[in-house]
Amino acid sequence: ETNFFLFIVEAIRYLPLVRDKVEAMVAQEINTVKAILLCSANRGEIRESLDLDFLAGHIVRAFDGYEMHGVLLGHSSKTHMEELIMVSQIWKLIKKA
């Protein structure tokens, strides 16, 4: 897994088409998370004061960084469980009281 991340970093650095593909993938992930948040907002489940664009981008980048951090430190086996806890904590922050 570590080699995969290192390969991607180097490919992004030197191959513009790879960079474009990765940027498109991240944009799609952000749009998907925003759609989920928008659905929750429309149902009145989350606070109205949230900036859904910012929050969606933050969530995606936080998970990407968290996963890379887990792999680089050799903790990939427990990363998924910790991500579930992170989702629970984010939900507690954004849900309506």
Protein backbone atom coordinates (compact mmCIF):
# COMPACT_ATOMS: atom_id res chain seq x y z
CA GLU A 1 0.00 0.00 0.00
CA THR A 2 2.82 2.42 0.77
CA ASN A 3 4.30 1.83 -2.68
CA PHE A 4 0.93 2.64 -4.24
CA PHE A 5 0.81 6.06 -2.56
CA LEU A 6 4.39 6.79 -3.51
CA PHE A 7 3.66 5.77 -7.10
CA ILE A 8 0.60 8.05 -7.25
CA VAL A 9 2.54 11.00 -5.82
CA GLU A 10 5.28 10.59 -8.40
CA ALA A 11 2.82 10.01 -11.25
CA ILE A 12 0.92 13.19 -10.32
CA ARG A 13 4.16 15.12 -10.22
CA TYR A 14 5.38 14.11 -13.66
CA LEU A 15 2.30 13.10 -15.66
CA PRO A 16 -0.29 15.86 -16.19
CA LEU A 17 -2.93 13.40 -17.40
CA VAL A 18 -2.67 11.43 -14.15
CA ARG A 19 -2.96 14.66 -12.18
CA ASP A 20 -6.08 15.59 -14.17
CA LYS A 21 -7.63 12.17 -13.50
CA VAL A 22 -6.90 12.36 -9.76
CA GLU A 23 -8.33 15.89 -9.59
CA ALA A 24 -11.46 14.68 -11.41
CA MET A 25 -11.80 11.75 -9.00
CA VAL A 26 -11.50 14.06 -5.99
CA ALA A 27 -14.05 16.46 -7.50
CA GLN A 28 -16.47 13.55 -8.01
CA GLU A 29 -15.99 12.41 -4.41
CA ILE A 30 -16.65 15.96 -3.18
CA ASN A 31 -19.80 16.19 -5.32
CA THR A 32 -21.04 12.86 -3.94
CA VAL A 33 -20.47 13.92 -0.33
CA LYS A 34 -22.13 17.28 -1.03
CA ALA A 35 -25.17 15.48 -2.48
CA ILE A 36 -25.44 13.40 0.69
CA LEU A 37 -25.13 16.51 2.86
CA LEU A 38 -27.68 18.37 0.71
CA CYS A 39 -30.13 15.49 1.12
CA SER A 40 -29.66 15.69 4.90
CA ALA A 41 -30.09 19.47 4.80
CA ASN A 42 -33.31 19.17 2.79
CA ARG A 43 -34.65 16.71 5.36
CA GLY A 44 -33.80 19.11 8.19
CA GLU A 45 -31.29 16.71 9.73
CA ILE A 46 -28.29 19.05 9.80
CA ARG A 47 -27.77 22.65 10.84
CA GLU A 48 -28.69 25.30 8.27
CA SER A 49 -25.57 27.37 8.97
CA LEU A 50 -23.22 24.83 7.37
CA ASP A 51 -21.29 25.66 4.20
CA LEU A 52 -21.92 22.41 2.34
CA ASP A 53 -19.30 23.06 -0.35
CA PHE A 54 -16.57 23.65 2.23
CA LEU A 55 -17.71 20.80 4.45
CA ALA A 56 -17.85 18.28 1.59
CA GLY A 57 -14.34 19.22 0.45
CA HIS A 58 -13.04 19.06 3.99
CA ILE A 59 -14.53 15.63 4.62
CA VAL A 60 -13.06 14.16 1.42
CA ARG A 61 -9.59 15.63 1.99
CA ALA A 62 -9.64 14.59 5.66
CA PHE A 63 -10.44 10.98 4.74
CA ASP A 64 -7.83 10.91 1.99
CA GLY A 65 -5.19 12.22 4.38
CA TYR A 66 -6.31 9.90 7.15
CA GLU A 67 -6.05 6.87 4.87
CA MET A 68 -2.62 7.86 3.57
CA HIS A 69 -1.42 8.51 7.11
CA GLY A 70 -2.65 5.07 8.21
CA VAL A 71 -0.90 3.33 5.34
CA LEU A 72 2.39 5.19 5.75
CA LEU A 73 2.50 4.37 9.46
CA GLY A 74 1.47 0.75 8.92
CA HIS A 75 -1.95 1.13 10.55
CA SER A 76 -4.08 0.38 7.50
CA SER A 77 -5.81 -2.55 9.19
CA LYS A 78 -7.41 -0.32 11.84
CA THR A 79 -7.92 2.74 9.64
CA HIS A 80 -11.39 1.65 8.47
CA MET A 81 -12.66 1.25 12.03
CA GLU A 82 -11.24 4.63 13.00
CA GLU A 83 -12.87 6.20 9.94
CA LEU A 84 -16.23 4.91 11.14
CA ILE A 85 -15.60 6.62 14.46
CA MET A 86 -14.61 9.80 12.61
CA VAL A 87 -17.91 9.76 10.67
CA SER A 88 -19.78 9.41 13.95
CA GLN A 89 -17.91 12.36 15.42
CA ILE A 90 -18.52 14.54 12.35
CA TRP A 91 -22.22 13.67 12.51
CA LYS A 92 -22.35 14.79 16.13
CA LEU A 93 -20.85 18.13 15.08
CA ILE A 94 -23.20 18.86 12.19
CA LYS A 95 -26.58 17.36 13.17
CA LYS A 96 -29.37 19.46 14.51
CA ALA A 97 -29.78 19.37 18.25
